């Protein structure tokens, strides 16, 4: 749990930076609530912390049902994909929003098949994506921020498949944390002193 909390915290800071660079500075969205730092309301890191904690918790539960092992390279690749998708979303004109959403959806489907994931992973990814979209729609509706080119319920079309890719990244991160914890337990059990009988 400590590692999950630490990773969630680091992820929240990373996503706050991505939001600043990819969406605030490109004028993809604008924040309305004060106080602000560099155009972002100060609760942005907290918002991302809640989101990443929820995604990692969901992924941990799914990994218990459908275990997945991954390497550091796999985690980095997964993070690189979702970060690149996040970056590109900041430069997509509204007239290409549907095309970009379809591209993200098709690439998610290809990744899902290549990774040989099961039904539970698909269900959790869709649940994470729906939760992410609805969460952002609510925050937009109550005035925290606005997408400058919204398509439906105050958010762009590409937001849902972007969260799908984020769900796969969360699954890989949760798997890496579990593998690391298991390795630590194995080391502890092999290095603990044995006591002779008698």
Protein backbone atom coordinates (compact mmCIF):
# COMPACT_ATOMS: atom_id res chain seq x y z
CA UNK A 1 0.00 0.00 0.00
CA UNK A 2 2.86 2.39 0.75
CA UNK A 3 4.35 1.80 -2.68
CA UNK A 4 0.97 2.32 -4.34
CA UNK A 5 0.53 5.58 -2.44
CA UNK A 6 4.03 6.74 -3.36
CA UNK A 7 3.56 5.87 -7.03
CA UNK A 8 0.15 7.57 -7.04
CA UNK A 9 1.75 10.71 -5.62
CA UNK A 10 4.55 10.73 -8.18
CA UNK A 11 2.06 10.02 -10.97
CA UNK A 12 -0.14 12.91 -9.82
CA UNK A 13 2.81 15.32 -10.00
CA UNK A 14 3.79 13.98 -13.43
CA UNK A 15 0.24 14.34 -14.75
CA UNK A 16 0.02 17.86 -13.32
CA UNK A 17 3.14 18.74 -15.31
CA UNK A 18 1.70 17.07 -18.43
CA UNK A 19 -1.55 18.97 -17.97
CA UNK A 20 0.41 22.21 -17.73
CA UNK A 21 2.55 21.55 -20.81
CA UNK A 22 0.11 19.65 -23.02
CA UNK A 23 -3.25 21.27 -22.25
CA UNK A 24 -2.87 24.59 -20.41
CA UNK A 25 -0.08 26.03 -22.54
CA UNK A 26 -1.65 24.78 -25.77
CA UNK A 27 -4.97 26.35 -24.69
CA UNK A 28 -6.74 23.02 -24.92
CA UNK A 29 -8.40 23.88 -21.63
CA UNK A 30 -8.55 26.81 -19.22
CA UNK A 31 -8.96 26.77 -15.43
CA UNK A 32 -11.38 29.13 -13.74
CA UNK A 33 -11.01 28.55 -9.99
CA UNK A 34 -8.58 30.59 -7.91
CA UNK A 35 -6.00 30.56 -6.51
CA UNK A 36 -3.93 29.42 -9.48
CA UNK A 37 -0.29 28.66 -10.21
CA UNK A 38 0.83 29.04 -13.83
CA UNK A 39 -2.75 28.90 -15.05
CA UNK A 40 -3.70 25.79 -13.04
CA UNK A 41 -5.94 25.85 -10.00
CA UNK A 42 -4.00 24.63 -6.97
CA UNK A 43 -6.21 21.56 -6.50
CA UNK A 44 -5.07 20.02 -9.80
CA UNK A 45 -2.45 17.76 -8.12
CA UNK A 46 -5.10 16.58 -5.63
CA UNK A 47 -7.49 15.82 -8.47
CA UNK A 48 -4.85 13.75 -10.23
CA UNK A 49 -3.91 12.03 -6.96
CA UNK A 50 -7.49 10.86 -6.48
CA UNK A 51 -7.68 9.73 -10.11
CA UNK A 52 -4.38 7.83 -10.12
CA UNK A 53 -5.11 6.23 -6.74
CA UNK A 54 -8.44 4.98 -8.07
CA UNK A 55 -6.89 3.69 -11.30
CA UNK A 56 -4.08 1.89 -9.47
CA UNK A 57 -6.48 0.40 -6.92
CA UNK A 58 -8.74 -0.90 -9.69
CA UNK A 59 -5.75 -2.29 -11.59
CA UNK A 60 -4.41 -4.00 -8.46
CA UNK A 61 -7.75 -5.74 -7.96
CA UNK A 62 -7.84 -6.83 -11.60
CA UNK A 63 -4.25 -8.10 -11.39
CA UNK A 64 -5.32 -10.31 -8.50
CA UNK A 65 -7.88 -11.94 -10.82
CA UNK A 66 -5.85 -11.88 -14.03
CA UNK A 67 -2.18 -11.64 -13.00
CA UNK A 68 0.27 -9.89 -15.29
CA UNK A 69 4.04 -9.76 -15.05
CA UNK A 70 5.90 -6.90 -16.66
CA UNK A 71 9.41 -5.54 -16.93
CA UNK A 72 10.71 -2.04 -16.37
CA UNK A 73 10.92 -1.75 -20.16
CA UNK A 74 7.24 -2.69 -20.45
CA UNK A 75 6.20 -0.08 -17.90
CA UNK A 76 8.27 2.61 -19.62
CA UNK A 77 6.82 1.70 -23.02
CA UNK A 78 3.27 1.84 -21.66
CA UNK A 79 3.92 5.21 -20.01
CA UNK A 80 5.53 6.51 -23.20
CA UNK A 81 2.47 5.57 -25.25
CA UNK A 82 -0.04 7.27 -22.96
CA UNK A 83 2.22 10.33 -22.56
CA UNK A 84 2.59 10.67 -26.33
CA UNK A 85 -1.18 10.33 -26.75
CA UNK A 86 -1.67 12.99 -24.07
CA UNK A 87 0.81 15.31 -25.80
CA UNK A 88 -0.79 14.92 -29.24
CA UNK A 89 -4.24 15.61 -27.78
CA UNK A 90 -3.11 19.14 -27.00
CA UNK A 91 -2.54 19.89 -30.67
CA UNK A 92 -5.55 18.18 -32.26
CA UNK A 93 -7.94 20.58 -33.94
CA UNK A 94 -11.62 20.01 -33.17
CA UNK A 95 -12.36 18.94 -36.75
CA UNK A 96 -9.97 16.01 -36.25
CA UNK A 97 -11.22 15.10 -32.76
CA UNK A 98 -13.28 12.13 -33.94
CA UNK A 99 -10.47 10.86 -36.17
CA UNK A 100 -8.00 11.10 -33.29
CA UNK A 101 -10.44 9.36 -30.96
CA UNK A 102 -10.80 6.51 -33.47
CA UNK A 103 -7.02 6.26 -33.85
CA UNK A 104 -6.63 5.98 -30.07
CA UNK A 105 -9.46 3.44 -29.90
CA UNK A 106 -7.99 1.25 -32.67
CA UNK A 107 -4.50 1.42 -31.16
CA UNK A 108 -5.95 0.45 -27.76
CA UNK A 109 -7.67 -2.53 -29.38
CA UNK A 110 -4.41 -3.58 -31.04
CA UNK A 111 -2.50 -3.28 -27.76
CA UNK A 112 -5.22 -5.22 -25.93
CA UNK A 113 -5.04 -8.10 -28.42
CA UNK A 114 -1.22 -8.15 -28.59
CA UNK A 115 -1.01 -8.19 -24.81
CA UNK A 116 -3.50 -11.11 -24.74
CA UNK A 117 -5.56 -9.46 -22.05
CA UNK A 118 -8.75 -10.97 -20.65
CA UNK A 119 -12.32 -9.79 -20.19
CA UNK A 120 -11.73 -8.45 -16.68
CA UNK A 121 -9.04 -6.10 -18.01
CA UNK A 122 -11.36 -4.81 -20.73
CA UNK A 123 -14.17 -4.24 -18.24
CA UNK A 124 -11.86 -2.41 -15.83
CA UNK A 125 -10.35 -0.28 -18.62
CA UNK A 126 -13.81 0.74 -19.83
CA UNK A 127 -14.89 1.47 -16.24
CA UNK A 128 -11.79 3.62 -15.69
CA UNK A 129 -12.42 5.47 -18.95
CA UNK A 130 -16.09 6.08 -18.16
CA UNK A 131 -15.17 7.24 -14.66
CA UNK A 132 -12.49 9.57 -16.01
CA UNK A 133 -14.77 11.11 -18.62
CA UNK A 134 -17.67 11.57 -16.19
CA UNK A 135 -15.33 12.96 -13.53
CA UNK A 136 -13.96 15.56 -15.92
CA UNK A 137 -17.43 16.35 -17.21
CA UNK A 138 -18.62 17.03 -13.66
CA UNK A 139 -15.58 19.18 -12.83
CA UNK A 140 -16.16 21.12 -16.03
CA UNK A 141 -19.88 21.50 -15.29
CA UNK A 142 -19.22 22.93 -11.81
CA UNK A 143 -16.75 25.40 -13.28
CA UNK A 144 -13.26 24.21 -12.35
CA UNK A 145 -12.14 24.24 -15.98
CA UNK A 146 -13.40 24.26 -19.54
CA UNK A 147 -12.16 22.51 -22.64
CA UNK A 148 -12.03 25.16 -25.34
CA UNK A 149 -13.18 22.69 -28.00
CA UNK A 150 -15.60 20.33 -26.24
CA UNK A 151 -17.49 17.71 -28.24
CA UNK A 152 -19.85 15.97 -25.81
CA UNK A 153 -20.82 16.63 -22.16
CA UNK A 154 -18.12 19.30 -22.02
CA UNK A 155 -15.16 17.09 -23.01
CA UNK A 156 -13.45 16.08 -26.30
CA UNK A 157 -14.18 12.81 -28.12
CA UNK A 158 -10.60 11.63 -27.64
CA UNK A 159 -10.77 11.74 -23.83
CA UNK A 160 -12.42 8.32 -23.46
CA UNK A 161 -9.84 6.32 -25.50
CA UNK A 162 -7.04 8.33 -23.87
CA UNK A 163 -8.21 6.98 -20.52
CA UNK A 164 -8.29 3.46 -22.00
CA UNK A 165 -4.57 3.74 -22.70
CA UNK A 166 -4.09 5.17 -19.22
CA UNK A 167 -5.82 2.08 -17.81
CA UNK A 168 -3.28 -0.21 -19.50
CA UNK A 169 -0.44 1.90 -18.09
CA UNK A 170 -2.00 1.66 -14.63
CA UNK A 171 -2.23 -2.14 -15.01
CA UNK A 172 1.46 -2.34 -15.87
CA UNK A 173 2.47 -0.07 -12.98
CA UNK A 174 0.35 -2.07 -10.51
CA UNK A 175 1.89 -5.31 -11.81
CA UNK A 176 5.41 -3.91 -11.43
CA UNK A 177 4.67 -2.86 -7.84
CA UNK A 178 3.31 -6.32 -7.05
CA UNK A 179 6.34 -8.03 -8.63
CA UNK A 180 8.69 -5.77 -6.69
CA UNK A 181 6.88 -6.50 -3.42
CA UNK A 182 6.99 -10.25 -4.10
CA UNK A 183 10.73 -10.08 -4.79
CA UNK A 184 11.27 -8.25 -1.51
CA UNK A 185 9.31 -10.93 0.33
CA UNK A 186 11.36 -13.67 -1.31
CA UNK A 187 14.62 -11.95 -0.35
CA UNK A 188 13.43 -11.56 3.22
CA UNK A 189 12.45 -15.21 3.48
CA UNK A 190 15.76 -16.44 2.06
CA UNK A 191 17.94 -14.15 4.18
CA UNK A 192 16.12 -14.61 7.50
CA UNK A 193 18.18 -16.64 9.99
CA UNK A 194 17.16 -20.21 10.70
CA UNK A 195 17.03 -21.42 14.26
CA UNK A 196 18.13 -24.98 15.04
CA UNK A 197 15.71 -27.12 16.97
CA UNK A 198 16.38 -27.69 20.60
